[in-house]
C-alpha cells in the first residue's frame, strides 16, 4: 500500500529573506562593504588639499563610490603623474588598493559575516 504525504509550507519571499540577512540593496552588508572599501582606498587617492578625497560620494544604496571633481578622471587615468610626497597615491587608486589589500579585505569580510558583526 503506497504511503501518501501532504506537505504544506509557508515560506518568506526572497526579498524578505534577503532583508532579514542585510543583503538587500543598501542593506547592512552593502554598507559594510562600501565603508570598508572606502577606508582601504583612501590612502591611494591623490591628495594635495583634500578636495578630490573630500568629493567622494557614496549615497544610498551604497553600491558605488564616486569622486566628483572636474579633474578626478584626469588623475585616475594618468599614471604618469608623479606624487612625490606620497608614492602610494596616484592613478587607478582603487585597483592598486585592491591589489595590495584585497586578500585582507576579503578575510575581514568573512570574519565579520561569520562573527555576525554586520
PDB file of N, CA and C in Angstrom:
ATOM      1  N   UNK A   1       0.839  -1.167   0.000  1.00  0.00           N
ATOM      2  CA  UNK A   1       0.000   0.000   0.000  1.00  0.00           C
ATOM      3  C   UNK A   1       0.892   1.242   0.000  1.00  0.00           C
ATOM      4  N   UNK A   2       0.723   2.162  -0.984  1.00  0.00           N
ATOM      5  CA  UNK A   2       1.546   3.367  -1.052  1.00  0.00           C
ATOM      6  C   UNK A   2       1.214   4.343   0.081  1.00  0.00           C
ATOM      7  N   UNK A   3       2.244   4.994   0.508  1.00  0.00           N
ATOM      8  CA  UNK A   3       2.089   5.995   1.567  1.00  0.00           C
ATOM      9  C   UNK A   3       1.967   7.368   0.929  1.00  0.00           C
ATOM     10  N   UNK A   4       0.952   8.096   1.269  1.00  0.00           N
ATOM     11  CA  UNK A   4       0.751   9.440   0.741  1.00  0.00           C
ATOM     12  C   UNK A   4       0.999  10.448   1.850  1.00  0.00           C
ATOM     13  N   UNK A   5       1.790  11.462   1.501  1.00  0.00           N
ATOM     14  CA  UNK A   5       2.104  12.506   2.465  1.00  0.00           C
ATOM     15  C   UNK A   5       1.788  13.844   1.827  1.00  0.00           C
ATOM     16  N   UNK A   6       1.113  14.663   2.559  1.00  0.00           N
ATOM     17  CA  UNK A   6       0.807  16.008   2.083  1.00  0.00           C
ATOM     18  C   UNK A   6       1.607  16.990   2.934  1.00  0.00           C
ATOM     19  N   UNK A   7       2.411  17.794   2.255  1.00  0.00           N
ATOM     20  CA  UNK A   7       3.253  18.760   2.952  1.00  0.00           C
ATOM     21  C   UNK A   7       2.828  20.158   2.533  1.00  0.00           C
ATOM     22  N   UNK A   8       2.678  21.016   3.504  1.00  0.00           N
ATOM     23  CA  UNK A   8       2.344  22.412   3.240  1.00  0.00           C
ATOM     24  C   UNK A   8       3.392  23.281   3.920  1.00  0.00           C
ATOM     25  N   UNK A   9       3.947  24.250   3.165  1.00  0.00           N
ATOM     26  CA  UNK A   9       4.985  25.109   3.727  1.00  0.00           C
ATOM     27  C   UNK A   9       4.636  26.571   3.482  1.00  0.00           C
ATOM     28  N   UNK A  10       4.850  27.360   4.477  1.00  0.00           N
ATOM     29  CA  UNK A  10       4.726  28.812   4.342  1.00  0.00           C
ATOM     30  C   UNK A  10       6.142  29.377   4.359  1.00  0.00           C
ATOM     31  N   UNK A  11       6.549  29.949   3.247  1.00  0.00           N
ATOM     32  CA  UNK A  11       7.906  30.472   3.149  1.00  0.00           C
ATOM     33  C   UNK A  11       7.866  31.981   2.931  1.00  0.00           C
ATOM     34  N   UNK A  12       8.874  32.642   3.468  1.00  0.00           N
ATOM     35  CA  UNK A  12       9.003  34.086   3.246  1.00  0.00           C
ATOM     36  C   UNK A  12       9.414  34.331   1.801  1.00  0.00           C
ATOM     37  N   UNK A  13       9.105  35.502   1.327  1.00  0.00           N
ATOM     38  CA  UNK A  13       9.514  35.874  -0.023  1.00  0.00           C
ATOM     39  C   UNK A  13      11.033  36.049  -0.065  1.00  0.00           C
ATOM     40  N   UNK A  14      11.581  36.007  -1.251  1.00  0.00           N
ATOM     41  CA  UNK A  14      13.026  36.186  -1.416  1.00  0.00           C
ATOM     42  C   UNK A  14      13.459  37.537  -0.868  1.00  0.00           C
ATOM     43  N   UNK A  15      12.688  38.573  -1.141  1.00  0.00           N
ATOM     44  CA  UNK A  15      13.071  39.905  -0.658  1.00  0.00           C
ATOM     45  C   UNK A  15      13.077  39.959   0.869  1.00  0.00           C
ATOM     46  N   UNK A  16      12.175  39.249   1.518  1.00  0.00           N
ATOM     47  CA  UNK A  16      12.146  39.215   2.982  1.00  0.00           C
ATOM     48  C   UNK A  16      13.369  38.485   3.529  1.00  0.00           C
ATOM     49  N   UNK A  17      13.730  37.368   2.903  1.00  0.00           N
ATOM     50  CA  UNK A  17      14.903  36.609   3.340  1.00  0.00           C
ATOM     51  C   UNK A  17      16.165  37.447   3.171  1.00  0.00           C
ATOM     52  N   UNK A  18      16.313  38.107   2.012  1.00  0.00           N
ATOM     53  CA  UNK A  18      17.474  38.964   1.783  1.00  0.00           C
ATOM     54  C   UNK A  18      17.535  40.088   2.807  1.00  0.00           C
ATOM     55  N   UNK A  19      16.398  40.702   3.056  1.00  0.00           N
ATOM     56  CA  UNK A  19      16.329  41.803   4.015  1.00  0.00           C
ATOM     57  C   UNK A  19      16.681  41.338   5.427  1.00  0.00           C
ATOM     58  N   UNK A  20      16.212  40.176   5.803  1.00  0.00           N
ATOM     59  CA  UNK A  20      16.496  39.648   7.142  1.00  0.00           C
ATOM     60  C   UNK A  20      17.987  39.398   7.368  1.00  0.00           C
ATOM     61  N   UNK A  21      18.728  39.206   6.279  1.00  0.00           N
ATOM     62  CA  UNK A  21      20.161  38.953   6.393  1.00  0.00           C
ATOM     63  C   UNK A  21      21.005  40.155   5.961  1.00  0.00           C
ATOM     64  N   UNK A  22      20.369  41.294   5.740  1.00  0.00           N
ATOM     65  CA  UNK A  22      21.094  42.510   5.377  1.00  0.00           C
ATOM     66  C   UNK A  22      21.624  42.504   3.960  1.00  0.00           C
ATOM     67  N   UNK A  23      21.056  41.668   3.094  1.00  0.00           N
ATOM     68  CA  UNK A  23      21.578  41.512   1.739  1.00  0.00           C
ATOM     69  C   UNK A  23      20.797  42.286   0.685  1.00  0.00           C
ATOM     70  N   UNK A  24      19.803  43.054   1.088  1.00  0.00           N
ATOM     71  CA  UNK A  24      19.058  43.855   0.115  1.00  0.00           C
ATOM     72  C   UNK A  24      19.908  45.045  -0.327  1.00  0.00           C
ATOM     73  N   UNK A  25      19.508  45.680  -1.428  1.00  0.00           N
ATOM     74  CA  UNK A  25      20.230  46.862  -1.922  1.00  0.00           C
ATOM     75  C   UNK A  25      20.271  47.918  -0.820  1.00  0.00           C
ATOM     76  N   UNK A  26      21.458  48.374  -0.492  1.00  0.00           N
ATOM     77  CA  UNK A  26      21.619  49.374   0.552  1.00  0.00           C
ATOM     78  C   UNK A  26      21.549  48.804   1.952  1.00  0.00           C
ATOM     79  N   UNK A  27      21.527  47.487   2.059  1.00  0.00           N
ATOM     80  CA  UNK A  27      21.436  46.837   3.365  1.00  0.00           C
ATOM     81  C   UNK A  27      22.731  46.903   4.147  1.00  0.00           C
ATOM     82  N   UNK A  28      22.724  46.298   5.304  1.00  0.00           N
ATOM     83  CA  UNK A  28      23.873  46.393   6.198  1.00  0.00           C
ATOM     84  C   UNK A  28      25.143  45.782   5.595  1.00  0.00           C
ATOM     85  N   UNK A  29      25.001  44.718   4.822  1.00  0.00           N
ATOM     86  CA  UNK A  29      26.189  44.110   4.204  1.00  0.00           C
ATOM     87  C   UNK A  29      26.772  45.048   3.156  1.00  0.00           C
ATOM     88  N   UNK A  30      25.909  45.648   2.342  1.00  0.00           N
ATOM     89  CA  UNK A  30      26.385  46.581   1.310  1.00  0.00           C
ATOM     90  C   UNK A  30      27.063  47.787   1.953  1.00  0.00           C
ATOM     91  N   UNK A  31      26.478  48.317   3.014  1.00  0.00           N
ATOM     92  CA  UNK A  31      27.085  49.462   3.712  1.00  0.00           C
ATOM     93  C   UNK A  31      28.430  49.083   4.321  1.00  0.00           C
ATOM     94  N   UNK A  32      28.519  47.893   4.896  1.00  0.00           N
ATOM     95  CA  UNK A  32      29.778  47.423   5.480  1.00  0.00           C
ATOM     96  C   UNK A  32      30.862  47.333   4.407  1.00  0.00           C
ATOM     97  N   UNK A  33      30.516  46.719   3.273  1.00  0.00           N
ATOM     98  CA  UNK A  33      31.484  46.561   2.192  1.00  0.00           C
ATOM     99  C   UNK A  33      31.930  47.916   1.665  1.00  0.00           C
ATOM    100  N   UNK A  34      30.986  48.806   1.379  1.00  0.00           N
ATOM    101  CA  UNK A  34      31.321  50.125   0.829  1.00  0.00           C
ATOM    102  C   UNK A  34      32.167  50.930   1.804  1.00  0.00           C
ATOM    103  N   UNK A  35      31.786  50.947   3.059  1.00  0.00           N
ATOM    104  CA  UNK A  35      32.529  51.697   4.072  1.00  0.00           C
ATOM    105  C   UNK A  35      33.963  51.204   4.185  1.00  0.00           C
ATOM    106  N   UNK A  36      34.142  49.899   4.188  1.00  0.00           N
ATOM    107  CA  UNK A  36      35.485  49.352   4.334  1.00  0.00           C
ATOM    108  C   UNK A  36      36.306  49.472   3.055  1.00  0.00           C
ATOM    109  N   UNK A  37      35.653  49.447   1.897  1.00  0.00           N
ATOM    110  CA  UNK A  37      36.376  49.722   0.655  1.00  0.00           C
ATOM    111  C   UNK A  37      36.893  51.155   0.651  1.00  0.00           C
ATOM    112  N   UNK A  38      36.066  52.089   1.069  1.00  0.00           N
ATOM    113  CA  UNK A  38      36.490  53.493   1.144  1.00  0.00           C
ATOM    114  C   UNK A  38      37.696  53.629   2.072  1.00  0.00           C
ATOM    115  N   UNK A  39      37.625  52.995   3.205  1.00  0.00           N
ATOM    116  CA  UNK A  39      38.731  53.050   4.171  1.00  0.00           C
ATOM    117  C   UNK A  39      40.010  52.493   3.548  1.00  0.00           C
ATOM    118  N   UNK A  40      39.879  51.409   2.783  1.00  0.00           N
ATOM    119  CA  UNK A  40      41.029  50.784   2.150  1.00  0.00           C
ATOM    120  C   UNK A  40      41.600  51.671   1.040  1.00  0.00           C
ATOM    121  N   UNK A  41      40.729  52.298   0.257  1.00  0.00           N
ATOM    122  CA  UNK A  41      41.132  53.068  -0.917  1.00  0.00           C
ATOM    123  C   UNK A  41      41.685  54.445  -0.548  1.00  0.00           C
ATOM    124  N   UNK A  42      41.215  55.045   0.538  1.00  0.00           N
ATOM    125  CA  UNK A  42      41.554  56.430   0.875  1.00  0.00           C
ATOM    126  C   UNK A  42      43.049  56.728   0.852  1.00  0.00           C
ATOM    127  N   UNK A  43      43.876  55.818   1.263  1.00  0.00           N
ATOM    128  CA  UNK A  43      45.319  56.056   1.278  1.00  0.00           C
ATOM    129  C   UNK A  43      45.958  56.069  -0.100  1.00  0.00           C
ATOM    130  N   UNK A  44      45.185  55.753  -1.136  1.00  0.00           N
ATOM    131  CA  UNK A  44      45.699  55.687  -2.501  1.00  0.00           C
ATOM    132  C   UNK A  44      45.194  56.842  -3.370  1.00  0.00           C
ATOM    133  N   UNK A  45      44.201  57.573  -2.882  1.00  0.00           N
ATOM    134  CA  UNK A  45      43.625  58.692  -3.638  1.00  0.00           C
ATOM    135  C   UNK A  45      44.594  59.869  -3.608  1.00  0.00           C
ATOM    136  N   UNK A  46      44.888  60.465  -4.763  1.00  0.00           N
ATOM    137  CA  UNK A  46      45.768  61.639  -4.775  1.00  0.00           C
ATOM    138  C   UNK A  46      45.267  62.707  -3.802  1.00  0.00           C
ATOM    139  N   UNK A  47      46.218  63.317  -3.108  1.00  0.00           N
ATOM    140  CA  UNK A  47      45.843  64.258  -2.065  1.00  0.00           C
ATOM    141  C   UNK A  47      46.791  65.450  -2.089  1.00  0.00           C
ATOM    142  N   UNK A  48      46.249  66.603  -2.377  1.00  0.00           N
ATOM    143  CA  UNK A  48      47.015  67.834  -2.238  1.00  0.00           C
ATOM    144  C   UNK A  48      46.332  68.654  -1.161  1.00  0.00           C
ATOM    145  N   UNK A  49      45.155  69.166  -1.479  1.00  0.00           N
ATOM    146  CA  UNK A  49      44.390  69.933  -0.499  1.00  0.00           C
ATOM    147  C   UNK A  49      43.245  69.115   0.075  1.00  0.00           C
ATOM    148  N   UNK A  50      43.031  67.898  -0.446  1.00  0.00           N
ATOM    149  CA  UNK A  50      41.969  67.034   0.056  1.00  0.00           C
ATOM    150  C   UNK A  50      40.642  67.196  -0.655  1.00  0.00           C
ATOM    151  N   UNK A  51      40.602  68.019  -1.715  1.00  0.00           N
ATOM    152  CA  UNK A  51      39.340  68.264  -2.414  1.00  0.00           C
ATOM    153  C   UNK A  51      38.852  66.998  -3.112  1.00  0.00           C
ATOM    154  N   UNK A  52      39.737  66.309  -3.816  1.00  0.00           N
ATOM    155  CA  UNK A  52      39.347  65.086  -4.516  1.00  0.00           C
ATOM    156  C   UNK A  52      38.834  64.043  -3.523  1.00  0.00           C
ATOM    157  N   UNK A  53      39.599  63.795  -2.500  1.00  0.00           N
ATOM    158  CA  UNK A  53      39.212  62.812  -1.487  1.00  0.00           C
ATOM    159  C   UNK A  53      37.913  63.223  -0.805  1.00  0.00           C
ATOM    160  N   UNK A  54      37.762  64.518  -0.563  1.00  0.00           N
ATOM    161  CA  UNK A  54      36.549  65.033   0.087  1.00  0.00           C
ATOM    162  C   UNK A  54      35.330  65.052  -0.816  1.00  0.00           C
ATOM    163  N   UNK A  55      35.545  64.911  -2.127  1.00  0.00           N
ATOM    164  CA  UNK A  55      34.415  64.942  -3.057  1.00  0.00           C
ATOM    165  C   UNK A  55      33.735  63.585  -3.170  1.00  0.00           C
ATOM    166  N   UNK A  56      34.260  62.618  -2.489  1.00  0.00           N
ATOM    167  CA  UNK A  56      33.729  61.252  -2.574  1.00  0.00           C
ATOM    168  C   UNK A  56      32.252  61.233  -2.169  1.00  0.00           C
ATOM    169  N   UNK A  57      31.465  60.564  -2.996  1.00  0.00           N
ATOM    170  CA  UNK A  57      30.033  60.451  -2.752  1.00  0.00           C
ATOM    171  C   UNK A  57      29.666  58.980  -2.761  1.00  0.00           C
ATOM    172  N   UNK A  58      29.117  58.509  -1.696  1.00  0.00           N
ATOM    173  CA  UNK A  58      28.662  57.127  -1.627  1.00  0.00           C
ATOM    174  C   UNK A  58      27.282  57.085  -0.967  1.00  0.00           C
ATOM    175  N   UNK A  59      26.340  57.715  -1.637  1.00  0.00           N
ATOM    176  CA  UNK A  59      24.981  57.806  -1.114  1.00  0.00           C
ATOM    177  C   UNK A  59      24.235  56.482  -1.305  1.00  0.00           C
ATOM    178  N   UNK A  60      23.140  56.306  -0.570  1.00  0.00           N
ATOM    179  CA  UNK A  60      22.346  55.086  -0.742  1.00  0.00           C
ATOM    180  C   UNK A  60      22.009  54.861  -2.196  1.00  0.00           C
ATOM    181  N   UNK A  61      22.001  53.653  -2.691  1.00  0.00           N
ATOM    182  CA  UNK A  61      22.070  52.377  -1.966  1.00  0.00           C
ATOM    183  C   UNK A  61      23.485  51.874  -1.707  1.00  0.00           C
ATOM    184  N   UNK A  62      24.471  52.728  -1.682  1.00  0.00           N
ATOM    185  CA  UNK A  62      25.850  52.380  -1.321  1.00  0.00           C
ATOM    186  C   UNK A  62      26.461  51.339  -2.261  1.00  0.00           C
ATOM    187  N   UNK A  63      26.105  51.398  -3.531  1.00  0.00           N
ATOM    188  CA  UNK A  63      26.626  50.412  -4.473  1.00  0.00           C
ATOM    189  C   UNK A  63      27.700  50.976  -5.393  1.00  0.00           C
ATOM    190  N   UNK A  64      28.078  52.225  -5.185  1.00  0.00           N
ATOM    191  CA  UNK A  64      29.173  52.794  -5.956  1.00  0.00           C
ATOM    192  C   UNK A  64      29.840  53.908  -5.154  1.00  0.00           C
ATOM    193  N   UNK A  65      31.104  54.138  -5.482  1.00  0.00           N
ATOM    194  CA  UNK A  65      31.883  55.201  -4.855  1.00  0.00           C
ATOM    195  C   UNK A  65      32.274  56.150  -5.974  1.00  0.00           C
ATOM    196  N   UNK A  66      31.876  57.416  -5.871  1.00  0.00           N
ATOM    197  CA  UNK A  66      32.112  58.390  -6.937  1.00  0.00           C
ATOM    198  C   UNK A  66      32.950  59.539  -6.379  1.00  0.00           C
ATOM    199  N   UNK A  67      34.022  59.869  -7.081  1.00  0.00           N
ATOM    200  CA  UNK A  67      34.827  61.047  -6.756  1.00  0.00           C
ATOM    201  C   UNK A  67      34.400  62.128  -7.735  1.00  0.00           C
ATOM    202  N   UNK A  68      33.795  63.187  -7.215  1.00  0.00           N
ATOM    203  CA  UNK A  68      33.107  64.162  -8.049  1.00  0.00           C
ATOM    204  C   UNK A  68      33.829  65.511  -8.092  1.00  0.00           C
ATOM    205  N   UNK A  69      34.901  65.569  -8.873  1.00  0.00           N
ATOM    206  CA  UNK A  69      35.575  66.837  -9.154  1.00  0.00           C
ATOM    207  C   UNK A  69      35.843  66.874 -10.657  1.00  0.00           C
ATOM    208  N   UNK A  70      36.051  68.064 -11.210  1.00  0.00           N
ATOM    209  CA  UNK A  70      36.308  68.160 -12.652  1.00  0.00           C
ATOM    210  C   UNK A  70      37.584  67.425 -13.093  1.00  0.00           C
ATOM    211  N   UNK A  71      38.503  67.221 -12.178  1.00  0.00           N
ATOM    212  CA  UNK A  71      39.792  66.620 -12.540  1.00  0.00           C
ATOM    213  C   UNK A  71      39.946  65.182 -12.046  1.00  0.00           C
ATOM    214  N   UNK A  72      38.928  64.579 -11.471  1.00  0.00           N
ATOM    215  CA  UNK A  72      39.032  63.223 -10.928  1.00  0.00           C
ATOM    216  C   UNK A  72      39.432  62.219 -12.004  1.00  0.00           C
ATOM    217  N   UNK A  73      38.778  62.272 -13.161  1.00  0.00           N
ATOM    218  CA  UNK A  73      39.085  61.316 -14.236  1.00  0.00           C
ATOM    219  C   UNK A  73      40.510  61.519 -14.747  1.00  0.00           C
ATOM    220  N   UNK A  74      40.942  62.772 -14.844  1.00  0.00           N
ATOM    221  CA  UNK A  74      42.303  63.049 -15.336  1.00  0.00           C
ATOM    222  C   UNK A  74      43.341  62.431 -14.400  1.00  0.00           C
ATOM    223  N   UNK A  75      43.147  62.553 -13.103  1.00  0.00           N
ATOM    224  CA  UNK A  75      44.090  61.968 -12.161  1.00  0.00           C
ATOM    225  C   UNK A  75      43.984  60.443 -12.136  1.00  0.00           C
ATOM    226  N   UNK A  76      42.784  59.922 -12.309  1.00  0.00           N
ATOM    227  CA  UNK A  76      42.577  58.480 -12.257  1.00  0.00           C
ATOM    228  C   UNK A  76      43.236  57.762 -13.442  1.00  0.00           C
ATOM    229  N   UNK A  77      43.099  58.326 -14.640  1.00  0.00           N
ATOM    230  CA  UNK A  77      43.547  57.640 -15.846  1.00  0.00           C
ATOM    231  C   UNK A  77      44.948  58.032 -16.326  1.00  0.00           C
ATOM    232  N   UNK A  78      45.721  58.763 -15.543  1.00  0.00           N
ATOM    233  CA  UNK A  78      47.046  59.205 -15.977  1.00  0.00           C
ATOM    234  C   UNK A  78      48.118  58.789 -14.979  1.00  0.00           C
ATOM    235  N   UNK A  79      48.635  57.574 -15.141  1.00  0.00           N
ATOM    236  CA  UNK A  79      49.654  57.103 -14.198  1.00  0.00           C
ATOM    237  C   UNK A  79      50.986  57.840 -14.305  1.00  0.00           C
ATOM    238  N   UNK A  80      51.171  58.637 -15.350  1.00  0.00           N
ATOM    239  CA  UNK A  80      52.436  59.358 -15.489  1.00  0.00           C
ATOM    240  C   UNK A  80      52.556  60.492 -14.467  1.00  0.00           C
ATOM    241  N   UNK A  81      51.432  60.906 -13.849  1.00  0.00           N
ATOM    242  CA  UNK A  81      51.534  61.932 -12.814  1.00  0.00           C
ATOM    243  C   UNK A  81      52.283  61.346 -11.630  1.00  0.00           C
ATOM    244  N   UNK A  82      53.163  62.158 -11.065  1.00  0.00           N
ATOM    245  CA  UNK A  82      54.025  61.684 -10.001  1.00  0.00           C
ATOM    246  C   UNK A  82      53.647  62.393  -8.701  1.00  0.00           C
ATOM    247  N   UNK A  83      53.357  61.626  -7.688  1.00  0.00           N
ATOM    248  CA  UNK A  83      53.019  62.179  -6.379  1.00  0.00           C
ATOM    249  C   UNK A  83      54.190  61.899  -5.448  1.00  0.00           C
ATOM    250  N   UNK A  84      55.225  62.726  -5.583  1.00  0.00           N
ATOM    251  CA  UNK A  84      56.472  62.520  -4.849  1.00  0.00           C
ATOM    252  C   UNK A  84      56.270  62.472  -3.347  1.00  0.00           C
ATOM    253  N   UNK A  85      55.366  63.269  -2.855  1.00  0.00           N
ATOM    254  CA  UNK A  85      55.165  63.349  -1.416  1.00  0.00           C
ATOM    255  C   UNK A  85      54.538  62.077  -0.862  1.00  0.00           C
ATOM    256  N   UNK A  86      53.911  61.280  -1.713  1.00  0.00           N
ATOM    257  CA  UNK A  86      53.293  60.039  -1.280  1.00  0.00           C
ATOM    258  C   UNK A  86      53.173  59.093  -2.469  1.00  0.00           C
ATOM    259  N   UNK A  87      54.198  58.295  -2.723  1.00  0.00           N
ATOM    260  CA  UNK A  87      54.206  57.456  -3.918  1.00  0.00           C
ATOM    261  C   UNK A  87      53.093  56.416  -3.975  1.00  0.00           C
ATOM    262  N   UNK A  88      52.467  56.129  -2.843  1.00  0.00           N
ATOM    263  CA  UNK A  88      51.344  55.188  -2.835  1.00  0.00           C
ATOM    264  C   UNK A  88      50.128  55.782  -3.538  1.00  0.00           C
ATOM    265  N   UNK A  89      50.011  57.096  -3.517  1.00  0.00           N
ATOM    266  CA  UNK A  89      48.859  57.772  -4.107  1.00  0.00           C
ATOM    267  C   UNK A  89      49.060  57.941  -5.607  1.00  0.00           C
ATOM    268  N   UNK A  90      47.959  57.876  -6.368  1.00  0.00           N
ATOM    269  CA  UNK A  90      48.068  58.081  -7.800  1.00  0.00           C
ATOM    270  C   UNK A  90      46.955  57.415  -8.575  1.00  0.00           C
ATOM    271  N   UNK A  91      47.196  57.268  -9.862  1.00  0.00           N
ATOM    272  CA  UNK A  91      46.193  56.749 -10.791  1.00  0.00           C
ATOM    273  C   UNK A  91      45.728  55.341 -10.405  1.00  0.00           C
ATOM    274  N   UNK A  92      44.539  55.009 -10.859  1.00  0.00           N
ATOM    275  CA  UNK A  92      43.937  53.685 -10.638  1.00  0.00           C
ATOM    276  C   UNK A  92      43.960  53.316  -9.158  1.00  0.00           C
ATOM    277  N   UNK A  93      43.620  54.288  -8.305  1.00  0.00           N
ATOM    278  CA  UNK A  93      43.765  54.092  -6.871  1.00  0.00           C
ATOM    279  C   UNK A  93      42.968  52.906  -6.343  1.00  0.00           C
ATOM    280  N   UNK A  94      41.791  52.633  -6.886  1.00  0.00           N
ATOM    281  CA  UNK A  94      41.004  51.510  -6.388  1.00  0.00           C
ATOM    282  C   UNK A  94      41.640  50.168  -6.753  1.00  0.00           C
ATOM    283  N   UNK A  95      42.137  50.061  -7.964  1.00  0.00           N
ATOM    284  CA  UNK A  95      42.756  48.811  -8.417  1.00  0.00           C
ATOM    285  C   UNK A  95      44.052  48.524  -7.653  1.00  0.00           C
ATOM    286  N   UNK A  96      44.840  49.554  -7.414  1.00  0.00           N
ATOM    287  CA  UNK A  96      46.087  49.365  -6.679  1.00  0.00           C
ATOM    288  C   UNK A  96      45.817  49.037  -5.218  1.00  0.00           C
ATOM    289  N   UNK A  97      44.827  49.696  -4.630  1.00  0.00           N
ATOM    290  CA  UNK A  97      44.459  49.398  -3.243  1.00  0.00           C
ATOM    291  C   UNK A  97      43.987  47.954  -3.124  1.00  0.00           C
ATOM    292  N   UNK A  98      43.194  47.500  -4.111  1.00  0.00           N
ATOM    293  CA  UNK A  98      42.706  46.123  -4.068  1.00  0.00           C
ATOM    294  C   UNK A  98      43.860  45.132  -4.242  1.00  0.00           C
ATOM    295  N   UNK A  99      44.782  45.425  -5.150  1.00  0.00           N
ATOM    296  CA  UNK A  99      45.928  44.538  -5.359  1.00  0.00           C
ATOM    297  C   UNK A  99      46.751  44.400  -4.082  1.00  0.00           C
ATOM    298  N   UNK A 100      46.889  45.484  -3.341  1.00  0.00           N
ATOM    299  CA  UNK A 100      47.689  45.461  -2.116  1.00  0.00           C
ATOM    300  C   UNK A 100      46.932  44.900  -0.915  1.00  0.00           C
ATOM    301  N   UNK A 101      45.620  45.086  -0.877  1.00  0.00           N
ATOM    302  CA  UNK A 101      44.856  44.783   0.345  1.00  0.00           C
ATOM    303  C   UNK A 101      43.634  43.897   0.147  1.00  0.00           C
ATOM    304  N   UNK A 102      43.388  43.438  -1.061  1.00  0.00           N
ATOM    305  CA  UNK A 102      42.168  42.676  -1.345  1.00  0.00           C
ATOM    306  C   UNK A 102      42.019  41.416  -0.515  1.00  0.00           C
ATOM    307  N   UNK A 103      43.107  40.665  -0.344  1.00  0.00           N
ATOM    308  CA  UNK A 103      43.031  39.431   0.441  1.00  0.00           C
ATOM    309  C   UNK A 103      42.656  39.720   1.892  1.00  0.00           C
ATOM    310  N   UNK A 104      43.258  40.747   2.459  1.00  0.00           N
ATOM    311  CA  UNK A 104      42.935  41.139   3.825  1.00  0.00           C
ATOM    312  C   UNK A 104      41.490  41.598   3.924  1.00  0.00           C
ATOM    313  N   UNK A 105      41.039  42.375   2.933  1.00  0.00           N
ATOM    314  CA  UNK A 105      39.659  42.852   2.911  1.00  0.00           C
ATOM    315  C   UNK A 105      38.693  41.669   2.928  1.00  0.00           C
ATOM    316  N   UNK A 106      38.922  40.687   2.050  1.00  0.00           N
ATOM    317  CA  UNK A 106      38.030  39.530   1.974  1.00  0.00           C
ATOM    318  C   UNK A 106      38.070  38.709   3.259  1.00  0.00           C
ATOM    319  N   UNK A 107      39.246  38.578   3.844  1.00  0.00           N
ATOM    320  CA  UNK A 107      39.373  37.854   5.108  1.00  0.00           C
ATOM    321  C   UNK A 107      38.591  38.560   6.220  1.00  0.00           C
ATOM    322  N   UNK A 108      38.722  39.886   6.291  1.00  0.00           N
ATOM    323  CA  UNK A 108      37.991  40.658   7.296  1.00  0.00           C
ATOM    324  C   UNK A 108      36.486  40.556   7.070  1.00  0.00           C
ATOM    325  N   UNK A 109      36.055  40.599   5.807  1.00  0.00           N
ATOM    326  CA  UNK A 109      34.637  40.466   5.490  1.00  0.00           C
ATOM    327  C   UNK A 109      34.117  39.117   5.909  1.00  0.00           C
ATOM    328  N   UNK A 110      34.873  38.065   5.632  1.00  0.00           N
ATOM    329  CA  UNK A 110      34.480  36.705   6.031  1.00  0.00           C
ATOM    330  C   UNK A 110      34.331  36.611   7.542  1.00  0.00           C
ATOM    331  N   UNK A 111      35.292  37.174   8.275  1.00  0.00           N
ATOM    332  CA  UNK A 111      35.224  37.140   9.739  1.00  0.00           C
ATOM    333  C   UNK A 111      34.020  37.915  10.253  1.00  0.00           C
ATOM    334  N   UNK A 112      33.730  39.048   9.633  1.00  0.00           N
ATOM    335  CA  UNK A 112      32.577  39.842  10.052  1.00  0.00           C
ATOM    336  C   UNK A 112      31.275  39.092   9.817  1.00  0.00           C
ATOM    337  N   UNK A 113      31.179  38.415   8.679  1.00  0.00           N
ATOM    338  CA  UNK A 113      29.965  37.666   8.371  1.00  0.00           C
ATOM    339  C   UNK A 113      29.828  36.480   9.312  1.00  0.00           C
ATOM    340  N   UNK A 114      30.906  35.725   9.496  1.00  0.00           N
ATOM    341  CA  UNK A 114      30.854  34.553  10.375  1.00  0.00           C
ATOM    342  C   UNK A 114      30.635  34.946  11.826  1.00  0.00           C
ATOM    343  N   UNK A 115      31.185  36.055  12.232  1.00  0.00           N
ATOM    344  CA  UNK A 115      31.018  36.517  13.604  1.00  0.00           C
ATOM    345  C   UNK A 115      29.735  37.291  13.809  1.00  0.00           C
ATOM    346  N   UNK A 116      28.937  37.402  12.752  1.00  0.00           N
ATOM    347  CA  UNK A 116      27.645  38.106  12.790  1.00  0.00           C
ATOM    348  C   UNK A 116      27.808  39.546  13.291  1.00  0.00           C
ATOM    349  N   UNK A 117      28.872  40.217  12.811  1.00  0.00           N
ATOM    350  CA  UNK A 117      29.146  41.607  13.203  1.00  0.00           C
ATOM    351  C   UNK A 117      28.562  42.612  12.224  1.00  0.00           C
ATOM    352  N   UNK A 118      27.896  42.104  11.209  1.00  0.00           N
ATOM    353  CA  UNK A 118      27.321  43.023  10.207  1.00  0.00           C
ATOM    354  C   UNK A 118      25.849  43.167  10.494  1.00  0.00           C
TER     355      UNK A 118
END
